[in-house]
Amino acid sequence: MKETFCKNCIHFCQHYRLEGLWFVPVRCGHCTGPHGTVRKPDSPGCERFCSAVAGENVVPFPGPRLKKK
């Protein structure tokens, strides 16, 4: 069963705080959707959920466009 939590979504941006020389994740983040909704990592995914797990929902990168001579 796939976990549809915000922390597993490609649209979720985790927030961090600086402790000494280290960035530590905090229990807060935001969605990169049109309204930039504040979300927690363990919130249930919304209708925009797209898995960030490797091999799931992968769109291949087309690579550089080569000019034809």
PDB file of N, CA and C in Angstrom:
ATOM      1  N   MET A   1       0.844  -1.193   0.000  1.00  0.00           N
ATOM      2  CA  MET A   1       0.000   0.000   0.000  1.00  0.00           C
ATOM      3  C   MET A   1       0.883   1.248   0.000  1.00  0.00           C
ATOM      4  N   LYS A   2       0.576   2.154  -0.885  1.00  0.00           N
ATOM      5  CA  LYS A   2       1.351   3.379  -1.009  1.00  0.00           C
ATOM      6  C   LYS A   2       0.897   4.387   0.051  1.00  0.00           C
ATOM      7  N   GLU A   3       1.875   4.995   0.738  1.00  0.00           N
ATOM      8  CA  GLU A   3       1.555   6.008   1.745  1.00  0.00           C
ATOM      9  C   GLU A   3       1.388   7.351   1.062  1.00  0.00           C
ATOM     10  N   THR A   4       0.208   7.925   1.160  1.00  0.00           N
ATOM     11  CA  THR A   4      -0.055   9.211   0.518  1.00  0.00           C
ATOM     12  C   THR A   4      -0.011  10.335   1.559  1.00  0.00           C
ATOM     13  N   PHE A   5       1.168  10.517   2.138  1.00  0.00           N
ATOM     14  CA  PHE A   5       1.392  11.613   3.069  1.00  0.00           C
ATOM     15  C   PHE A   5       2.150  12.710   2.334  1.00  0.00           C
ATOM     16  N   CYS A   6       2.026  13.929   2.825  1.00  0.00           N
ATOM     17  CA  CYS A   6       2.704  15.063   2.185  1.00  0.00           C
ATOM     18  C   CYS A   6       4.206  14.851   2.068  1.00  0.00           C
ATOM     19  N   LYS A   7       4.831  14.227   3.067  1.00  0.00           N
ATOM     20  CA  LYS A   7       6.288  14.025   3.026  1.00  0.00           C
ATOM     21  C   LYS A   7       6.713  13.143   1.858  1.00  0.00           C
ATOM     22  N   ASN A   8       5.792  12.365   1.274  1.00  0.00           N
ATOM     23  CA  ASN A   8       6.098  11.490   0.147  1.00  0.00           C
ATOM     24  C   ASN A   8       5.697  12.112  -1.191  1.00  0.00           C
ATOM     25  N   CYS A   9       5.264  13.361  -1.176  1.00  0.00           N
ATOM     26  CA  CYS A   9       4.786  14.024  -2.391  1.00  0.00           C
ATOM     27  C   CYS A   9       5.889  14.883  -3.006  1.00  0.00           C
ATOM     28  N   ILE A  10       5.928  14.898  -4.315  1.00  0.00           N
ATOM     29  CA  ILE A  10       6.941  15.682  -5.032  1.00  0.00           C
ATOM     30  C   ILE A  10       6.684  17.191  -4.887  1.00  0.00           C
ATOM     31  N   HIS A  11       5.475  17.581  -4.537  1.00  0.00           N
ATOM     32  CA  HIS A  11       5.114  19.000  -4.408  1.00  0.00           C
ATOM     33  C   HIS A  11       5.370  19.560  -3.002  1.00  0.00           C
ATOM     34  N   PHE A  12       5.810  18.712  -2.070  1.00  0.00           N
ATOM     35  CA  PHE A  12       6.015  19.140  -0.679  1.00  0.00           C
ATOM     36  C   PHE A  12       7.428  19.673  -0.489  1.00  0.00           C
ATOM     37  N   CYS A  13       7.557  20.847   0.119  1.00  0.00           N
ATOM     38  CA  CYS A  13       8.856  21.436   0.449  1.00  0.00           C
ATOM     39  C   CYS A  13       9.006  21.470   1.966  1.00  0.00           C
ATOM     40  N   GLN A  14       9.960  20.709   2.447  1.00  0.00           N
ATOM     41  CA  GLN A  14      10.230  20.614   3.881  1.00  0.00           C
ATOM     42  C   GLN A  14      10.894  21.900   4.366  1.00  0.00           C
ATOM     43  N   HIS A  15      10.548  22.360   5.573  1.00  0.00           N
ATOM     44  CA  HIS A  15      11.206  23.505   6.191  1.00  0.00           C
ATOM     45  C   HIS A  15      12.265  22.999   7.164  1.00  0.00           C
ATOM     46  N   TYR A  16      13.340  23.775   7.340  1.00  0.00           N
ATOM     47  CA  TYR A  16      14.463  23.403   8.204  1.00  0.00           C
ATOM     48  C   TYR A  16      14.833  24.570   9.102  1.00  0.00           C
ATOM     49  N   ARG A  17      15.559  24.269  10.182  1.00  0.00           N
ATOM     50  CA  ARG A  17      16.137  25.317  11.029  1.00  0.00           C
ATOM     51  C   ARG A  17      17.625  25.027  11.160  1.00  0.00           C
ATOM     52  N   LEU A  18      18.398  26.053  11.424  1.00  0.00           N
ATOM     53  CA  LEU A  18      19.844  25.930  11.525  1.00  0.00           C
ATOM     54  C   LEU A  18      20.240  25.757  12.985  1.00  0.00           C
ATOM     55  N   GLU A  19      20.933  24.657  13.293  1.00  0.00           N
ATOM     56  CA  GLU A  19      21.467  24.414  14.638  1.00  0.00           C
ATOM     57  C   GLU A  19      22.976  24.235  14.501  1.00  0.00           C
ATOM     58  N   GLY A  20      23.709  25.260  14.865  1.00  0.00           N
ATOM     59  CA  GLY A  20      25.158  25.211  14.701  1.00  0.00           C
ATOM     60  C   GLY A  20      25.498  25.180  13.217  1.00  0.00           C
ATOM     61  N   LEU A  21      26.085  24.085  12.762  1.00  0.00           N
ATOM     62  CA  LEU A  21      26.440  23.932  11.353  1.00  0.00           C
ATOM     63  C   LEU A  21      25.490  23.005  10.605  1.00  0.00           C
ATOM     64  N   TRP A  22      24.422  22.565  11.238  1.00  0.00           N
ATOM     65  CA  TRP A  22      23.518  21.573  10.659  1.00  0.00           C
ATOM     66  C   TRP A  22      22.127  22.138  10.432  1.00  0.00           C
ATOM     67  N   PHE A  23      21.498  21.727   9.321  1.00  0.00           N
ATOM     68  CA  PHE A  23      20.103  22.043   9.072  1.00  0.00           C
ATOM     69  C   PHE A  23      19.271  20.873   9.573  1.00  0.00           C
ATOM     70  N   VAL A  24      18.322  21.163  10.448  1.00  0.00           N
ATOM     71  CA  VAL A  24      17.488  20.142  11.069  1.00  0.00           C
ATOM     72  C   VAL A  24      16.049  20.322  10.572  1.00  0.00           C
ATOM     73  N   PRO A  25      15.412  19.240  10.076  1.00  0.00           N
ATOM     74  CA  PRO A  25      14.028  19.385   9.613  1.00  0.00           C
ATOM     75  C   PRO A  25      13.083  19.664  10.775  1.00  0.00           C
ATOM     76  N   VAL A  26      12.140  20.554  10.552  1.00  0.00           N
ATOM     77  CA  VAL A  26      11.099  20.845  11.535  1.00  0.00           C
ATOM     78  C   VAL A  26       9.788  20.246  11.034  1.00  0.00           C
ATOM     79  N   ARG A  27       8.796  20.139  11.906  1.00  0.00           N
ATOM     80  CA  ARG A  27       7.531  19.507  11.541  1.00  0.00           C
ATOM     81  C   ARG A  27       6.610  20.520  10.849  1.00  0.00           C
ATOM     82  N   CYS A  28       7.116  21.043   9.744  1.00  0.00           N
ATOM     83  CA  CYS A  28       6.370  22.036   8.981  1.00  0.00           C
ATOM     84  C   CYS A  28       6.935  22.078   7.567  1.00  0.00           C
ATOM     85  N   GLY A  29       6.128  22.512   6.633  1.00  0.00           N
ATOM     86  CA  GLY A  29       6.545  22.660   5.252  1.00  0.00           C
ATOM     87  C   GLY A  29       5.443  23.358   4.480  1.00  0.00           C
ATOM     88  N   HIS A  30       5.551  23.336   3.159  1.00  0.00           N
ATOM     89  CA  HIS A  30       4.489  23.917   2.358  1.00  0.00           C
ATOM     90  C   HIS A  30       4.369  23.177   1.034  1.00  0.00           C
ATOM     91  N   CYS A  31       3.202  23.322   0.434  1.00  0.00           N
ATOM     92  CA  CYS A  31       2.913  22.726  -0.861  1.00  0.00           C
ATOM     93  C   CYS A  31       3.267  23.745  -1.938  1.00  0.00           C
ATOM     94  N   THR A  32       3.825  23.263  -3.057  1.00  0.00           N
ATOM     95  CA  THR A  32       4.177  24.179  -4.137  1.00  0.00           C
ATOM     96  C   THR A  32       2.999  24.451  -5.056  1.00  0.00           C
ATOM     97  N   GLY A  33       1.812  24.107  -4.605  1.00  0.00           N
ATOM     98  CA  GLY A  33       0.594  24.346  -5.379  1.00  0.00           C
ATOM     99  C   GLY A  33       0.325  25.828  -5.551  1.00  0.00           C
ATOM    100  N   PRO A  34      -0.761  26.154  -6.225  1.00  0.00           N
ATOM    101  CA  PRO A  34      -1.052  27.551  -6.538  1.00  0.00           C
ATOM    102  C   PRO A  34      -1.230  28.458  -5.319  1.00  0.00           C
ATOM    103  N   HIS A  35      -1.620  27.906  -4.179  1.00  0.00           N
ATOM    104  CA  HIS A  35      -1.861  28.743  -3.010  1.00  0.00           C
ATOM    105  C   HIS A  35      -0.764  28.620  -1.958  1.00  0.00           C
ATOM    106  N   GLY A  36       0.223  27.729  -2.149  1.00  0.00           N
ATOM    107  CA  GLY A  36       1.328  27.578  -1.205  1.00  0.00           C
ATOM    108  C   GLY A  36       0.862  27.215   0.188  1.00  0.00           C
ATOM    109  N   THR A  37      -0.027  26.261   0.306  1.00  0.00           N
ATOM    110  CA  THR A  37      -0.627  25.878   1.570  1.00  0.00           C
ATOM    111  C   THR A  37       0.410  25.351   2.553  1.00  0.00           C
ATOM    112  N   VAL A  38       0.342  25.806   3.802  1.00  0.00           N
ATOM    113  CA  VAL A  38       1.220  25.294   4.855  1.00  0.00           C
ATOM    114  C   VAL A  38       0.737  23.891   5.204  1.00  0.00           C
ATOM    115  N   ARG A  39       1.666  22.924   5.198  1.00  0.00           N
ATOM    116  CA  ARG A  39       1.324  21.528   5.450  1.00  0.00           C
ATOM    117  C   ARG A  39       2.322  20.921   6.429  1.00  0.00           C
ATOM    118  N   LYS A  40       1.912  19.876   7.113  1.00  0.00           N
ATOM    119  CA  LYS A  40       2.802  19.094   7.960  1.00  0.00           C
ATOM    120  C   LYS A  40       3.201  17.839   7.192  1.00  0.00           C
ATOM    121  N   PRO A  41       4.408  17.305   7.416  1.00  0.00           N
ATOM    122  CA  PRO A  41       4.861  16.139   6.663  1.00  0.00           C
ATOM    123  C   PRO A  41       3.946  14.926   6.781  1.00  0.00           C
ATOM    124  N   ASP A  42       3.281  14.767   7.928  1.00  0.00           N
ATOM    125  CA  ASP A  42       2.424  13.606   8.124  1.00  0.00           C
ATOM    126  C   ASP A  42       0.953  13.880   7.815  1.00  0.00           C
ATOM    127  N   SER A  43       0.660  14.998   7.147  1.00  0.00           N
ATOM    128  CA  SER A  43      -0.710  15.292   6.711  1.00  0.00           C
ATOM    129  C   SER A  43      -1.072  14.360   5.558  1.00  0.00           C
ATOM    130  N   PRO A  44      -2.346  13.976   5.451  1.00  0.00           N
ATOM    131  CA  PRO A  44      -2.741  13.139   4.312  1.00  0.00           C
ATOM    132  C   PRO A  44      -2.603  13.920   3.009  1.00  0.00           C
ATOM    133  N   GLY A  45      -2.181  13.226   1.963  1.00  0.00           N
ATOM    134  CA  GLY A  45      -1.991  13.868   0.663  1.00  0.00           C
ATOM    135  C   GLY A  45      -3.306  14.385   0.083  1.00  0.00           C
ATOM    136  N   CYS A  46      -3.210  15.427  -0.710  1.00  0.00           N
ATOM    137  CA  CYS A  46      -4.396  16.023  -1.335  1.00  0.00           C
ATOM    138  C   CYS A  46      -4.585  15.451  -2.743  1.00  0.00           C
ATOM    139  N   GLU A  47      -5.479  16.032  -3.509  1.00  0.00           N
ATOM    140  CA  GLU A  47      -5.763  15.542  -4.864  1.00  0.00           C
ATOM    141  C   GLU A  47      -4.599  15.774  -5.817  1.00  0.00           C
ATOM    142  N   ARG A  48      -3.646  16.640  -5.445  1.00  0.00           N
ATOM    143  CA  ARG A  48      -2.460  16.895  -6.284  1.00  0.00           C
ATOM    144  C   ARG A  48      -1.325  15.930  -5.982  1.00  0.00           C
ATOM    145  N   PHE A  49      -1.521  14.971  -5.084  1.00  0.00           N
ATOM    146  CA  PHE A  49      -0.453  14.073  -4.656  1.00  0.00           C
ATOM    147  C   PHE A  49       0.193  13.373  -5.843  1.00  0.00           C
ATOM    148  N   CYS A  50       1.523  13.445  -5.886  1.00  0.00           N
ATOM    149  CA  CYS A  50       2.316  12.767  -6.909  1.00  0.00           C
ATOM    150  C   CYS A  50       3.544  12.210  -6.192  1.00  0.00           C
ATOM    151  N   SER A  51       3.683  10.907  -6.173  1.00  0.00           N
ATOM    152  CA  SER A  51       4.715  10.237  -5.392  1.00  0.00           C
ATOM    153  C   SER A  51       6.120  10.695  -5.775  1.00  0.00           C
ATOM    154  N   ALA A  52       6.937  10.956  -4.754  1.00  0.00           N
ATOM    155  CA  ALA A  52       8.332  11.334  -4.966  1.00  0.00           C
ATOM    156  C   ALA A  52       9.250  10.123  -4.830  1.00  0.00           C
ATOM    157  N   VAL A  53       8.666   8.936  -4.616  1.00  0.00           N
ATOM    158  CA  VAL A  53       9.444   7.706  -4.474  1.00  0.00           C
ATOM    159  C   VAL A  53       9.969   7.307  -5.853  1.00  0.00           C
ATOM    160  N   ALA A  54      11.241   6.934  -5.913  1.00  0.00           N
ATOM    161  CA  ALA A  54      11.860   6.561  -7.186  1.00  0.00           C
ATOM    162  C   ALA A  54      11.095   5.417  -7.843  1.00  0.00           C
ATOM    163  N   GLY A  55      10.827   5.570  -9.127  1.00  0.00           N
ATOM    164  CA  GLY A  55      10.144   4.533  -9.884  1.00  0.00           C
ATOM    165  C   GLY A  55       8.641   4.685  -9.948  1.00  0.00           C
ATOM    166  N   GLU A  56       8.081   5.598  -9.190  1.00  0.00           N
ATOM    167  CA  GLU A  56       6.638   5.821  -9.211  1.00  0.00           C
ATOM    168  C   GLU A  56       6.351   7.184  -9.826  1.00  0.00           C
ATOM    169  N   ASN A  57       5.409   7.245 -10.724  1.00  0.00           N
ATOM    170  CA  ASN A  57       4.997   8.495 -11.370  1.00  0.00           C
ATOM    171  C   ASN A  57       6.176   9.199 -12.034  1.00  0.00           C
ATOM    172  N   VAL A  58       7.084   8.452 -12.612  1.00  0.00           N
ATOM    173  CA  VAL A  58       8.283   9.033 -13.213  1.00  0.00           C
ATOM    174  C   VAL A  58       7.985   9.495 -14.631  1.00  0.00           C
ATOM    175  N   VAL A  59       8.338  10.735 -14.900  1.00  0.00           N
ATOM    176  CA  VAL A  59       8.227  11.278 -16.247  1.00  0.00           C
ATOM    177  C   VAL A  59       9.646  11.406 -16.772  1.00  0.00           C
ATOM    178  N   PRO A  60       9.994  10.698 -17.837  1.00  0.00           N
ATOM    179  CA  PRO A  60      11.379  10.745 -18.310  1.00  0.00           C
ATOM    180  C   PRO A  60      11.756  12.135 -18.806  1.00  0.00           C
ATOM    181  N   PHE A  61      12.973  12.540 -18.464  1.00  0.00           N
ATOM    182  CA  PHE A  61      13.479  13.834 -18.905  1.00  0.00           C
ATOM    183  C   PHE A  61      13.809  13.738 -20.390  1.00  0.00           C
ATOM    184  N   PRO A  62      13.307  14.659 -21.203  1.00  0.00           N
ATOM    185  CA  PRO A  62      13.516  14.544 -22.646  1.00  0.00           C
ATOM    186  C   PRO A  62      14.953  14.787 -23.079  1.00  0.00           C
ATOM    187  N   GLY A  63      15.767  15.394 -22.233  1.00  0.00           N
ATOM    188  CA  GLY A  63      17.153  15.665 -22.593  1.00  0.00           C
ATOM    189  C   GLY A  63      17.250  16.907 -23.473  1.00  0.00           C
ATOM    190  N   PRO A  64      18.457  17.270 -23.839  1.00  0.00           N
ATOM    191  CA  PRO A  64      18.631  18.478 -24.657  1.00  0.00           C
ATOM    192  C   PRO A  64      18.076  18.283 -26.063  1.00  0.00           C
ATOM    193  N   ARG A  65      17.525  19.326 -26.576  1.00  0.00           N
ATOM    194  CA  ARG A  65      17.002  19.275 -27.942  1.00  0.00           C
ATOM    195  C   ARG A  65      18.167  19.501 -28.903  1.00  0.00           C
ATOM    196  N   LEU A  66      18.350  18.573 -29.794  1.00  0.00           N
ATOM    197  CA  LEU A  66      19.439  18.677 -30.759  1.00  0.00           C
ATOM    198  C   LEU A  66      18.926  19.325 -32.035  1.00  0.00           C
ATOM    199  N   LYS A  67      19.707  20.259 -32.538  1.00  0.00           N
ATOM    200  CA  LYS A  67      19.319  20.924 -33.787  1.00  0.00           C
ATOM    201  C   LYS A  67      19.657  20.018 -34.956  1.00  0.00           C
ATOM    202  N   LYS A  68      18.723  19.918 -35.860  1.00  0.00           N
ATOM    203  CA  LYS A  68      18.964  19.125 -37.063  1.00  0.00           C
ATOM    204  C   LYS A  68      19.707  19.988 -38.071  1.00  0.00           C
ATOM    205  N   LYS A  69      20.675  19.382 -38.748  1.00  0.00           N
ATOM    206  CA  LYS A  69      21.462  20.135 -39.726  1.00  0.00           C
ATOM    207  C   LYS A  69      20.888  19.948 -41.111  1.00  0.00           C
TER     208      LYS A  69
END
